[in-house]
Amino acid sequence: MPTQAKREMIDMLAEALKKTDAVFVAEYRGLTVKKANELRRLIRNAGGEMKVCKNTLMRIALDECGMKRMSDCDSGPNGYVLSYGDAAAVAKAIRDFAKEKGNEALVIKGGLLGGNQTLTKGQVLALAELPSKEALLAQVVGTIAAPLRGLVTVLSGPQRNLVTLLAKIRDQKESAA
């Protein structure tokens, strides 16, 4: 039976997991306090939060939320990065921090997307390559609007040609006079 403090931690983790759309796991062993604080700031700016807790407590919280366990990457000292909005932006923040010189101690292990799809390290890095949510939405809107733009261009063609023809006729009459 978990102690009262552990029970409160599990409840707090479960509450945070219910609001998240992705969880990334990274081993932080060897990071200085300054570097860890910098990482937390980058994650927070990207719309996420980093939780450091015992793996057992996170497993219990995942079970209570009905989420899949990440058994292949939940050993060792892990930081659990919770994404509350744009999972790609949070993954990008973690990846960029890990790639910087001097931050090799941060090792991305994997993650969980949508509560039921486990991600490998490679999949997390691929997610980090995606454009932001806003950019993807803009691309979708642009794709939907493209046929409409084409239709408007085709329908306005005859009027544009008529105006051009009338302007040329006017110019010819002015030069002849």
N, C-alpha and C. Protein backbone atom coordinates (compact mmCIF):
# COMPACT_ATOMS: atom_id res chain seq x y z
N MET A 1 0.84 -1.18 0.00
CA MET A 1 0.00 0.00 0.00
C MET A 1 0.88 1.24 0.00
N PRO A 2 0.68 2.16 -0.98
CA PRO A 2 1.51 3.37 -1.02
C PRO A 2 1.25 4.27 0.18
N THR A 3 2.29 4.96 0.59
CA THR A 3 2.14 5.91 1.69
C THR A 3 1.29 7.09 1.22
N GLN A 4 0.89 7.94 2.15
CA GLN A 4 0.05 9.08 1.81
C GLN A 4 0.77 10.02 0.83
N ALA A 5 2.05 10.26 1.02
CA ALA A 5 2.82 11.14 0.13
C ALA A 5 2.89 10.56 -1.28
N LYS A 6 3.10 9.24 -1.35
CA LYS A 6 3.16 8.60 -2.67
C LYS A 6 1.79 8.63 -3.34
N ARG A 7 0.74 8.43 -2.56
CA ARG A 7 -0.62 8.47 -3.10
C ARG A 7 -0.93 9.86 -3.67
N GLU A 8 -0.50 10.90 -2.97
CA GLU A 8 -0.71 12.26 -3.46
C GLU A 8 0.06 12.49 -4.75
N MET A 9 1.28 11.96 -4.83
CA MET A 9 2.09 12.10 -6.04
C MET A 9 1.43 11.37 -7.21
N ILE A 10 0.91 10.17 -6.96
CA ILE A 10 0.22 9.40 -8.00
C ILE A 10 -1.00 10.17 -8.48
N ASP A 11 -1.77 10.73 -7.55
CA ASP A 11 -2.97 11.49 -7.93
C ASP A 11 -2.60 12.72 -8.76
N MET A 12 -1.53 13.40 -8.37
CA MET A 12 -1.07 14.58 -9.10
C MET A 12 -0.61 14.19 -10.52
N LEU A 13 0.11 13.08 -10.62
CA LEU A 13 0.55 12.60 -11.93
C LEU A 13 -0.63 12.19 -12.80
N ALA A 14 -1.59 11.49 -12.20
CA ALA A 14 -2.77 11.06 -12.95
C ALA A 14 -3.56 12.25 -13.46
N GLU A 15 -3.69 13.28 -12.63
CA GLU A 15 -4.41 14.49 -13.04
C GLU A 15 -3.70 15.16 -14.21
N ALA A 16 -2.36 15.22 -14.16
CA ALA A 16 -1.59 15.81 -15.26
C ALA A 16 -1.68 14.96 -16.52
N LEU A 17 -1.67 13.63 -16.36
CA LEU A 17 -1.75 12.74 -17.52
C LEU A 17 -3.09 12.84 -18.23
N LYS A 18 -4.14 13.13 -17.49
CA LYS A 18 -5.47 13.26 -18.11
C LYS A 18 -5.53 14.45 -19.05
N LYS A 19 -4.71 15.47 -18.81
CA LYS A 19 -4.72 16.69 -19.63
C LYS A 19 -3.72 16.63 -20.78
N THR A 20 -2.86 15.64 -20.80
CA THR A 20 -1.78 15.60 -21.78
C THR A 20 -2.17 14.84 -23.04
N ASP A 21 -1.51 15.19 -24.13
CA ASP A 21 -1.71 14.46 -25.38
C ASP A 21 -0.51 13.61 -25.75
N ALA A 22 0.62 13.82 -25.07
CA ALA A 22 1.81 13.01 -25.31
C ALA A 22 2.71 13.04 -24.09
N VAL A 23 3.41 11.93 -23.88
CA VAL A 23 4.38 11.82 -22.79
C VAL A 23 5.69 11.33 -23.40
N PHE A 24 6.77 12.04 -23.13
CA PHE A 24 8.07 11.63 -23.62
C PHE A 24 8.95 11.27 -22.43
N VAL A 25 9.77 10.25 -22.62
CA VAL A 25 10.63 9.78 -21.55
C VAL A 25 12.08 10.05 -21.96
N ALA A 26 12.82 10.69 -21.04
CA ALA A 26 14.23 10.99 -21.30
C ALA A 26 15.03 10.76 -20.03
N GLU A 27 16.18 10.15 -20.20
CA GLU A 27 17.07 9.95 -19.06
C GLU A 27 17.92 11.20 -18.90
N TYR A 28 17.95 11.72 -17.70
CA TYR A 28 18.63 12.98 -17.45
C TYR A 28 19.90 12.82 -16.62
N ARG A 29 20.33 11.60 -16.36
CA ARG A 29 21.50 11.34 -15.52
C ARG A 29 22.71 12.08 -16.08
N GLY A 30 23.36 12.89 -15.24
CA GLY A 30 24.54 13.63 -15.66
C GLY A 30 24.28 15.09 -15.99
N LEU A 31 23.02 15.51 -16.05
CA LEU A 31 22.73 16.92 -16.30
C LEU A 31 22.96 17.72 -15.02
N THR A 32 23.56 18.87 -15.16
CA THR A 32 23.72 19.74 -14.00
C THR A 32 22.36 20.38 -13.68
N VAL A 33 22.26 20.95 -12.50
CA VAL A 33 21.01 21.61 -12.10
C VAL A 33 20.72 22.76 -13.05
N LYS A 34 21.74 23.50 -13.44
CA LYS A 34 21.56 24.62 -14.36
C LYS A 34 21.01 24.13 -15.70
N LYS A 35 21.58 23.06 -16.22
CA LYS A 35 21.12 22.50 -17.50
C LYS A 35 19.71 21.94 -17.37
N ALA A 36 19.41 21.29 -16.26
CA ALA A 36 18.06 20.74 -16.05
C ALA A 36 17.03 21.87 -15.98
N ASN A 37 17.37 22.97 -15.34
CA ASN A 37 16.46 24.11 -15.29
C ASN A 37 16.26 24.73 -16.66
N GLU A 38 17.33 24.78 -17.44
CA GLU A 38 17.23 25.29 -18.81
C GLU A 38 16.31 24.39 -19.64
N LEU A 39 16.46 23.07 -19.48
CA LEU A 39 15.59 22.12 -20.19
C LEU A 39 14.14 22.33 -19.79
N ARG A 40 13.87 22.45 -18.51
CA ARG A 40 12.50 22.67 -18.04
C ARG A 40 11.92 23.96 -18.63
N ARG A 41 12.73 25.01 -18.70
CA ARG A 41 12.26 26.28 -19.27
C ARG A 41 11.91 26.12 -20.75
N LEU A 42 12.76 25.42 -21.51
CA LEU A 42 12.49 25.19 -22.93
C LEU A 42 11.20 24.39 -23.13
N ILE A 43 11.02 23.37 -22.30
CA ILE A 43 9.82 22.53 -22.39
C ILE A 43 8.59 23.34 -22.04
N ARG A 44 8.69 24.16 -21.00
CA ARG A 44 7.55 24.99 -20.59
C ARG A 44 7.18 25.97 -21.70
N ASN A 45 8.18 26.58 -22.35
CA ASN A 45 7.93 27.51 -23.45
C ASN A 45 7.27 26.82 -24.65
N ALA A 46 7.53 25.53 -24.81
CA ALA A 46 6.94 24.76 -25.92
C ALA A 46 5.55 24.24 -25.59
N GLY A 47 5.09 24.44 -24.35
CA GLY A 47 3.75 23.98 -23.99
C GLY A 47 3.74 22.65 -23.26
N GLY A 48 4.80 22.37 -22.53
CA GLY A 48 4.88 21.11 -21.80
C GLY A 48 5.37 21.31 -20.39
N GLU A 49 5.63 20.19 -19.75
CA GLU A 49 6.08 20.21 -18.36
C GLU A 49 6.90 18.95 -18.13
N MET A 50 7.99 19.07 -17.37
CA MET A 50 8.83 17.91 -17.07
C MET A 50 8.62 17.50 -15.63
N LYS A 51 8.30 16.23 -15.44
CA LYS A 51 8.10 15.67 -14.11
C LYS A 51 9.19 14.63 -13.86
N VAL A 52 9.81 14.71 -12.70
CA VAL A 52 10.78 13.69 -12.29
C VAL A 52 10.14 12.96 -11.12
N CYS A 53 9.95 11.66 -11.30
CA CYS A 53 9.33 10.85 -10.25
C CYS A 53 9.82 9.42 -10.39
N LYS A 54 9.47 8.62 -9.42
CA LYS A 54 9.83 7.21 -9.50
C LYS A 54 9.04 6.56 -10.64
N ASN A 55 9.71 5.66 -11.33
CA ASN A 55 9.08 4.98 -12.45
C ASN A 55 7.84 4.20 -12.00
N THR A 56 7.90 3.62 -10.81
CA THR A 56 6.77 2.85 -10.29
C THR A 56 5.54 3.74 -10.12
N LEU A 57 5.75 4.95 -9.61
CA LEU A 57 4.62 5.86 -9.43
C LEU A 57 4.01 6.26 -10.78
N MET A 58 4.86 6.48 -11.78
CA MET A 58 4.35 6.82 -13.11
C MET A 58 3.60 5.64 -13.71
N ARG A 59 4.09 4.42 -13.50
CA ARG A 59 3.37 3.24 -14.00
C ARG A 59 1.97 3.16 -13.39
N ILE A 60 1.88 3.38 -12.08
CA ILE A 60 0.59 3.32 -11.39
C ILE A 60 -0.33 4.41 -11.93
N ALA A 61 0.20 5.63 -12.12
CA ALA A 61 -0.60 6.74 -12.64
C ALA A 61 -1.08 6.44 -14.06
N LEU A 62 -0.21 5.86 -14.89
CA LEU A 62 -0.61 5.49 -16.26
C LEU A 62 -1.73 4.45 -16.22
N ASP A 63 -1.60 3.47 -15.34
CA ASP A 63 -2.63 2.44 -15.21
C ASP A 63 -3.96 3.06 -14.78
N GLU A 64 -3.91 3.97 -13.82
CA GLU A 64 -5.14 4.60 -13.33
C GLU A 64 -5.83 5.43 -14.40
N CYS A 65 -5.05 5.98 -15.33
CA CYS A 65 -5.62 6.78 -16.42
C CYS A 65 -6.02 5.93 -17.62
N GLY A 66 -5.75 4.63 -17.56
CA GLY A 66 -6.09 3.75 -18.68
C GLY A 66 -5.14 3.90 -19.85
N MET A 67 -3.94 4.37 -19.58
CA MET A 67 -2.95 4.55 -20.64
C MET A 67 -2.01 3.35 -20.69
N LYS A 68 -1.38 3.20 -21.83
CA LYS A 68 -0.46 2.10 -22.05
C LYS A 68 0.84 2.35 -21.29
N ARG A 69 1.44 1.29 -20.77
CA ARG A 69 2.73 1.40 -20.10
C ARG A 69 3.85 1.49 -21.12
N MET A 70 4.91 2.17 -20.72
CA MET A 70 6.09 2.29 -21.57
C MET A 70 7.19 1.43 -20.96
N SER A 71 6.98 0.13 -20.94
CA SER A 71 7.86 -0.77 -20.20
C SER A 71 9.27 -0.84 -20.78
N ASP A 72 9.44 -0.54 -22.07
CA ASP A 72 10.78 -0.63 -22.64
C ASP A 72 11.66 0.57 -22.32
N CYS A 73 11.08 1.63 -21.75
CA CYS A 73 11.91 2.81 -21.47
C CYS A 73 11.66 3.38 -20.07
N ASP A 74 11.11 2.58 -19.17
CA ASP A 74 10.84 3.12 -17.83
C ASP A 74 11.76 2.53 -16.76
N SER A 75 13.04 2.47 -17.08
CA SER A 75 14.02 2.06 -16.07
C SER A 75 15.11 3.12 -16.00
N GLY A 76 15.68 3.27 -14.84
CA GLY A 76 16.71 4.29 -14.65
C GLY A 76 16.11 5.62 -14.25
N PRO A 77 16.95 6.62 -14.05
CA PRO A 77 16.44 7.94 -13.66
C PRO A 77 15.82 8.66 -14.86
N ASN A 78 14.52 8.72 -14.90
CA ASN A 78 13.82 9.29 -16.04
C ASN A 78 13.14 10.60 -15.69
N GLY A 79 13.07 11.44 -16.69
CA GLY A 79 12.24 12.62 -16.63
C GLY A 79 11.09 12.38 -17.58
N TYR A 80 9.89 12.60 -17.12
CA TYR A 80 8.70 12.41 -17.95
C TYR A 80 8.24 13.78 -18.42
N VAL A 81 8.26 13.99 -19.72
CA VAL A 81 7.89 15.27 -20.29
C VAL A 81 6.45 15.15 -20.81
N LEU A 82 5.58 15.96 -20.23
CA LEU A 82 4.16 15.94 -20.59
C LEU A 82 3.88 17.09 -21.54
N SER A 83 3.24 16.79 -22.66
CA SER A 83 2.89 17.81 -23.64
C SER A 83 1.41 18.13 -23.52
N TYR A 84 1.11 19.41 -23.33
CA TYR A 84 -0.28 19.82 -23.14
C TYR A 84 -0.90 20.45 -24.38
N GLY A 85 -0.17 20.57 -25.46
CA GLY A 85 -0.73 21.20 -26.64
C GLY A 85 -0.16 20.60 -27.90
N ASP A 86 0.95 21.15 -28.33
CA ASP A 86 1.59 20.73 -29.56
C ASP A 86 2.71 19.75 -29.24
N ALA A 87 2.43 18.46 -29.43
CA ALA A 87 3.41 17.42 -29.10
C ALA A 87 4.68 17.57 -29.93
N ALA A 88 4.55 18.00 -31.17
CA ALA A 88 5.72 18.15 -32.03
C ALA A 88 6.64 19.26 -31.51
N ALA A 89 6.07 20.34 -31.00
CA ALA A 89 6.88 21.44 -30.47
C ALA A 89 7.65 21.01 -29.22
N VAL A 90 7.00 20.23 -28.36
CA VAL A 90 7.67 19.75 -27.15
C VAL A 90 8.78 18.75 -27.52
N ALA A 91 8.49 17.85 -28.45
CA ALA A 91 9.51 16.89 -28.91
C ALA A 91 10.69 17.63 -29.54
N LYS A 92 10.39 18.69 -30.28
CA LYS A 92 11.45 19.49 -30.90
C LYS A 92 12.31 20.16 -29.84
N ALA A 93 11.70 20.65 -28.77
CA ALA A 93 12.46 21.30 -27.69
C ALA A 93 13.41 20.31 -27.03
N ILE A 94 12.91 19.09 -26.78
CA ILE A 94 13.75 18.07 -26.16
C ILE A 94 14.90 17.68 -27.10
N ARG A 95 14.57 17.45 -28.36
CA ARG A 95 15.58 17.05 -29.34
C ARG A 95 16.65 18.12 -29.50
N ASP A 96 16.23 19.38 -29.63
CA ASP A 96 17.19 20.46 -29.81
C ASP A 96 18.10 20.61 -28.60
N PHE A 97 17.54 20.46 -27.41
CA PHE A 97 18.35 20.55 -26.20
C PHE A 97 19.37 19.41 -26.17
N ALA A 98 18.94 18.20 -26.50
CA ALA A 98 19.83 17.04 -26.46
C ALA A 98 20.94 17.13 -27.51
N LYS A 99 20.68 17.83 -28.63
CA LYS A 99 21.68 17.94 -29.69
C LYS A 99 22.74 18.99 -29.39
N GLU A 100 22.44 19.93 -28.49
CA GLU A 100 23.40 20.98 -28.18
C GLU A 100 24.66 20.40 -27.52
N LYS A 101 25.77 21.03 -27.79
CA LYS A 101 27.04 20.59 -27.20
C LYS A 101 26.97 20.77 -25.69
N GLY A 102 27.36 19.73 -24.98
CA GLY A 102 27.34 19.77 -23.52
C GLY A 102 26.09 19.17 -22.91
N ASN A 103 25.12 18.83 -23.74
CA ASN A 103 23.86 18.26 -23.24
C ASN A 103 23.69 16.80 -23.63
N GLU A 104 24.79 16.13 -23.90
CA GLU A 104 24.72 14.73 -24.34
C GLU A 104 24.18 13.82 -23.24
N ALA A 105 24.14 14.31 -22.00
CA ALA A 105 23.65 13.49 -20.90
C ALA A 105 22.15 13.23 -21.01
N LEU A 106 21.43 14.08 -21.72
CA LEU A 106 19.99 13.87 -21.91
C LEU A 106 19.80 12.86 -23.03
N VAL A 107 19.21 11.72 -22.69
CA VAL A 107 19.00 10.65 -23.67
C VAL A 107 17.50 10.42 -23.82
N ILE A 108 16.99 10.65 -25.01
CA ILE A 108 15.58 10.41 -25.30
C ILE A 108 15.38 8.91 -25.43
N LYS A 109 14.41 8.39 -24.69
CA LYS A 109 14.18 6.94 -24.69
C LYS A 109 12.96 6.54 -25.51
N GLY A 110 11.92 7.33 -25.48
CA GLY A 110 10.69 6.98 -26.18
C GLY A 110 9.55 7.85 -25.69
N GLY A 111 8.34 7.36 -25.88
CA GLY A 111 7.21 8.15 -25.44
C GLY A 111 5.89 7.44 -25.64
N LEU A 112 4.86 8.20 -25.41
CA LEU A 112 3.49 7.71 -25.51
C LEU A 112 2.66 8.81 -26.15
N LEU A 113 1.97 8.50 -27.23
CA LEU A 113 1.19 9.49 -27.95
C LEU A 113 -0.29 9.14 -27.84
N GLY A 114 -1.08 10.07 -27.38
CA GLY A 114 -2.51 9.85 -27.28
C GLY A 114 -2.93 8.83 -26.24
N GLY A 115 -2.05 8.47 -25.37
CA GLY A 115 -2.39 7.56 -24.29
C GLY A 115 -2.31 6.09 -24.63
N ASN A 116 -2.20 5.74 -25.92
CA ASN A 116 -2.20 4.32 -26.25
C ASN A 116 -1.19 3.92 -27.31
N GLN A 117 -0.47 4.85 -27.89
CA GLN A 117 0.51 4.51 -28.92
C GLN A 117 1.91 4.79 -28.40
N THR A 118 2.68 3.72 -28.17
CA THR A 118 4.04 3.91 -27.69
C THR A 118 4.94 4.34 -28.84
N LEU A 119 5.91 5.16 -28.51
CA LEU A 119 6.84 5.68 -29.50
C LEU A 119 8.26 5.26 -29.14
N THR A 120 9.01 4.88 -30.14
CA THR A 120 10.42 4.60 -29.95
C THR A 120 11.19 5.92 -30.01
N LYS A 121 12.47 5.85 -29.73
CA LYS A 121 13.30 7.05 -29.81
C LYS A 121 13.25 7.63 -31.22
N GLY A 122 13.34 6.78 -32.22
CA GLY A 122 13.29 7.24 -33.61
C GLY A 122 11.97 7.91 -33.96
N GLN A 123 10.88 7.38 -33.43
CA GLN A 123 9.58 7.98 -33.70
C GLN A 123 9.43 9.33 -33.01
N VAL A 124 10.01 9.47 -31.82
CA VAL A 124 9.99 10.76 -31.13
C VAL A 124 10.77 11.78 -31.94
N LEU A 125 11.93 11.38 -32.45
CA LEU A 125 12.74 12.28 -33.27
C LEU A 125 12.04 12.63 -34.57
N ALA A 126 11.31 11.67 -35.14
CA ALA A 126 10.54 11.95 -36.36
C ALA A 126 9.40 12.92 -36.06
N LEU A 127 8.77 12.78 -34.91
CA LEU A 127 7.72 13.70 -34.49
C LEU A 127 8.28 15.11 -34.33
N ALA A 128 9.51 15.21 -33.87
CA ALA A 128 10.15 16.51 -33.70
C ALA A 128 10.42 17.19 -35.04
N GLU A 129 10.50 16.43 -36.11
CA GLU A 129 10.75 16.99 -37.44
C GLU A 129 9.49 17.60 -38.05
N LEU A 130 8.32 17.25 -37.52
CA LEU A 130 7.07 17.78 -38.07
C LEU A 130 6.97 19.28 -37.84
N PRO A 131 6.29 19.96 -38.74
CA PRO A 131 6.04 21.39 -38.48
C PRO A 131 5.09 21.55 -37.30
N SER A 132 4.97 22.76 -36.81
CA SER A 132 4.09 23.01 -35.67
C SER A 132 2.64 22.77 -36.05
N LYS A 133 1.80 22.69 -35.05
CA LYS A 133 0.37 22.45 -35.27
C LYS A 133 -0.24 23.54 -36.14
N GLU A 134 0.15 24.80 -35.88
CA GLU A 134 -0.37 25.92 -36.66
C GLU A 134 0.04 25.82 -38.13
N ALA A 135 1.30 25.42 -38.36
CA ALA A 135 1.79 25.29 -39.74
C ALA A 135 1.05 24.17 -40.47
N LEU A 136 0.80 23.05 -39.77
CA LEU A 136 0.05 21.96 -40.40
C LEU A 136 -1.38 22.37 -40.72
N LEU A 137 -2.01 23.10 -39.81
CA LEU A 137 -3.37 23.59 -40.08
C LEU A 137 -3.38 24.56 -41.26
N ALA A 138 -2.38 25.41 -41.34
CA ALA A 138 -2.28 26.34 -42.47
C ALA A 138 -2.11 25.59 -43.79
N GLN A 139 -1.34 24.50 -43.77
CA GLN A 139 -1.17 23.70 -44.98
C GLN A 139 -2.48 23.05 -45.39
N VAL A 140 -3.24 22.55 -44.42
CA VAL A 140 -4.53 21.92 -44.73
C VAL A 140 -5.49 22.95 -45.32
N VAL A 141 -5.55 24.12 -44.70
CA VAL A 141 -6.43 25.17 -45.20
C VAL A 141 -6.02 25.59 -46.60
N GLY A 142 -4.72 25.72 -46.83
CA GLY A 142 -4.22 26.07 -48.15
C GLY A 142 -4.58 25.02 -49.19
N THR A 143 -4.51 23.75 -48.81
CA THR A 143 -4.86 22.66 -49.72
C THR A 143 -6.36 22.69 -50.05
N ILE A 144 -7.16 22.99 -49.03
CA ILE A 144 -8.61 23.05 -49.26
C ILE A 144 -8.97 24.27 -50.12
N ALA A 145 -8.27 25.38 -49.91
CA ALA A 145 -8.59 26.62 -50.61
C ALA A 145 -8.05 26.64 -52.04
N ALA A 146 -7.07 25.82 -52.37
CA ALA A 146 -6.44 25.86 -53.70
C ALA A 146 -7.45 25.65 -54.84
N PRO A 147 -8.33 24.67 -54.79
CA PRO A 147 -9.31 24.52 -55.89
C PRO A 147 -10.23 25.73 -56.00
N LEU A 148 -10.60 26.33 -54.89
CA LEU A 148 -11.46 27.51 -54.93
C LEU A 148 -10.74 28.68 -55.58
N ARG A 149 -9.45 28.85 -55.24
CA ARG A 149 -8.66 29.91 -55.87
C ARG A 149 -8.58 29.69 -57.38
N GLY A 150 -8.38 28.45 -57.78
CA GLY A 150 -8.32 28.14 -59.21
C GLY A 150 -9.63 28.43 -59.91
N LEU A 151 -10.74 28.10 -59.26
CA LEU A 151 -12.06 28.37 -59.85
C LEU A 151 -12.28 29.86 -60.01
N VAL A 152 -11.93 30.64 -59.00
CA VAL A 152 -12.08 32.09 -59.08
C VAL A 152 -11.22 32.66 -60.20
N THR A 153 -10.02 32.15 -60.35
CA THR A 153 -9.13 32.61 -61.42
C THR A 153 -9.72 32.31 -62.79
N VAL A 154 -10.25 31.11 -62.96
CA VAL A 154 -10.84 30.72 -64.25
C VAL A 154 -12.09 31.55 -64.54
N LEU A 155 -12.93 31.76 -63.53
CA LEU A 155 -14.16 32.52 -63.74
C LEU A 155 -13.89 34.01 -63.99
N SER A 156 -12.83 34.54 -63.46
CA SER A 156 -12.54 35.96 -63.66
C SER A 156 -11.74 36.21 -64.94
N GLY A 157 -11.29 35.16 -65.60
CA GLY A 157 -10.50 35.28 -66.82
C GLY A 157 -11.19 36.03 -67.94
N PRO A 158 -12.44 35.68 -68.31
CA PRO A 158 -13.10 36.39 -69.42
C PRO A 158 -13.27 37.89 -69.14
N GLN A 159 -13.63 38.26 -67.89
CA GLN A 159 -13.77 39.68 -67.59
C GLN A 159 -12.43 40.40 -67.70
N ARG A 160 -11.38 39.76 -67.21
CA ARG A 160 -10.06 40.36 -67.28
C ARG A 160 -9.64 40.53 -68.75
N ASN A 161 -9.90 39.53 -69.58
CA ASN A 161 -9.56 39.61 -71.00
C ASN A 161 -10.35 40.72 -71.69
N LEU A 162 -11.63 40.89 -71.32
CA LEU A 162 -12.46 41.94 -71.92
C LEU A 162 -11.91 43.32 -71.55
N VAL A 163 -11.54 43.51 -70.31
CA VAL A 163 -10.98 44.79 -69.87
C VAL A 163 -9.68 45.07 -70.59
N THR A 164 -8.83 44.07 -70.75
CA THR A 164 -7.56 44.24 -71.46
C THR A 164 -7.81 44.60 -72.91
N LEU A 165 -8.77 43.94 -73.56
CA LEU A 165 -9.11 44.20 -74.96
C LEU A 165 -9.64 45.62 -75.12
N LEU A 166 -10.52 46.05 -74.23
CA LEU A 166 -11.06 47.40 -74.30
C LEU A 166 -9.97 48.45 -74.08
N ALA A 167 -9.03 48.18 -73.20
CA ALA A 167 -7.93 49.10 -72.96
C ALA A 167 -7.06 49.22 -74.20
N LYS A 168 -6.81 48.11 -74.91
CA LYS A 168 -6.01 48.15 -76.13
C LYS A 168 -6.73 48.93 -77.24
N ILE A 169 -8.04 48.73 -77.36
CA ILE A 169 -8.83 49.44 -78.35
C ILE A 169 -8.76 50.95 -78.05
N ARG A 170 -8.92 51.33 -76.81
CA ARG A 170 -8.84 52.73 -76.41
C ARG A 170 -7.48 53.32 -76.76
N ASP A 171 -6.41 52.57 -76.46
CA ASP A 171 -5.06 53.06 -76.75
C ASP A 171 -4.85 53.24 -78.26
N GLN A 172 -5.40 52.30 -79.07
CA GLN A 172 -5.28 52.40 -80.53
C GLN A 172 -6.02 53.64 -81.05
N LYS A 173 -7.20 53.89 -80.53
CA LYS A 173 -8.00 55.04 -80.98
C LYS A 173 -7.33 56.34 -80.56
N GLU A 174 -6.70 56.36 -79.37
CA GLU A 174 -6.01 57.56 -78.91
C GLU A 174 -4.78 57.84 -79.77
N SER A 175 -4.05 56.80 -80.13
CA SER A 175 -2.85 56.98 -80.95
C SER A 175 -3.20 57.34 -82.39
N ALA A 176 -4.37 56.91 -82.89
CA ALA A 176 -4.80 57.24 -84.26
C ALA A 176 -5.31 58.67 -84.33
N ALA A 177 -5.80 59.20 -83.24
CA ALA A 177 -6.39 60.55 -83.27
C ALA A 177 -5.38 61.64 -83.18
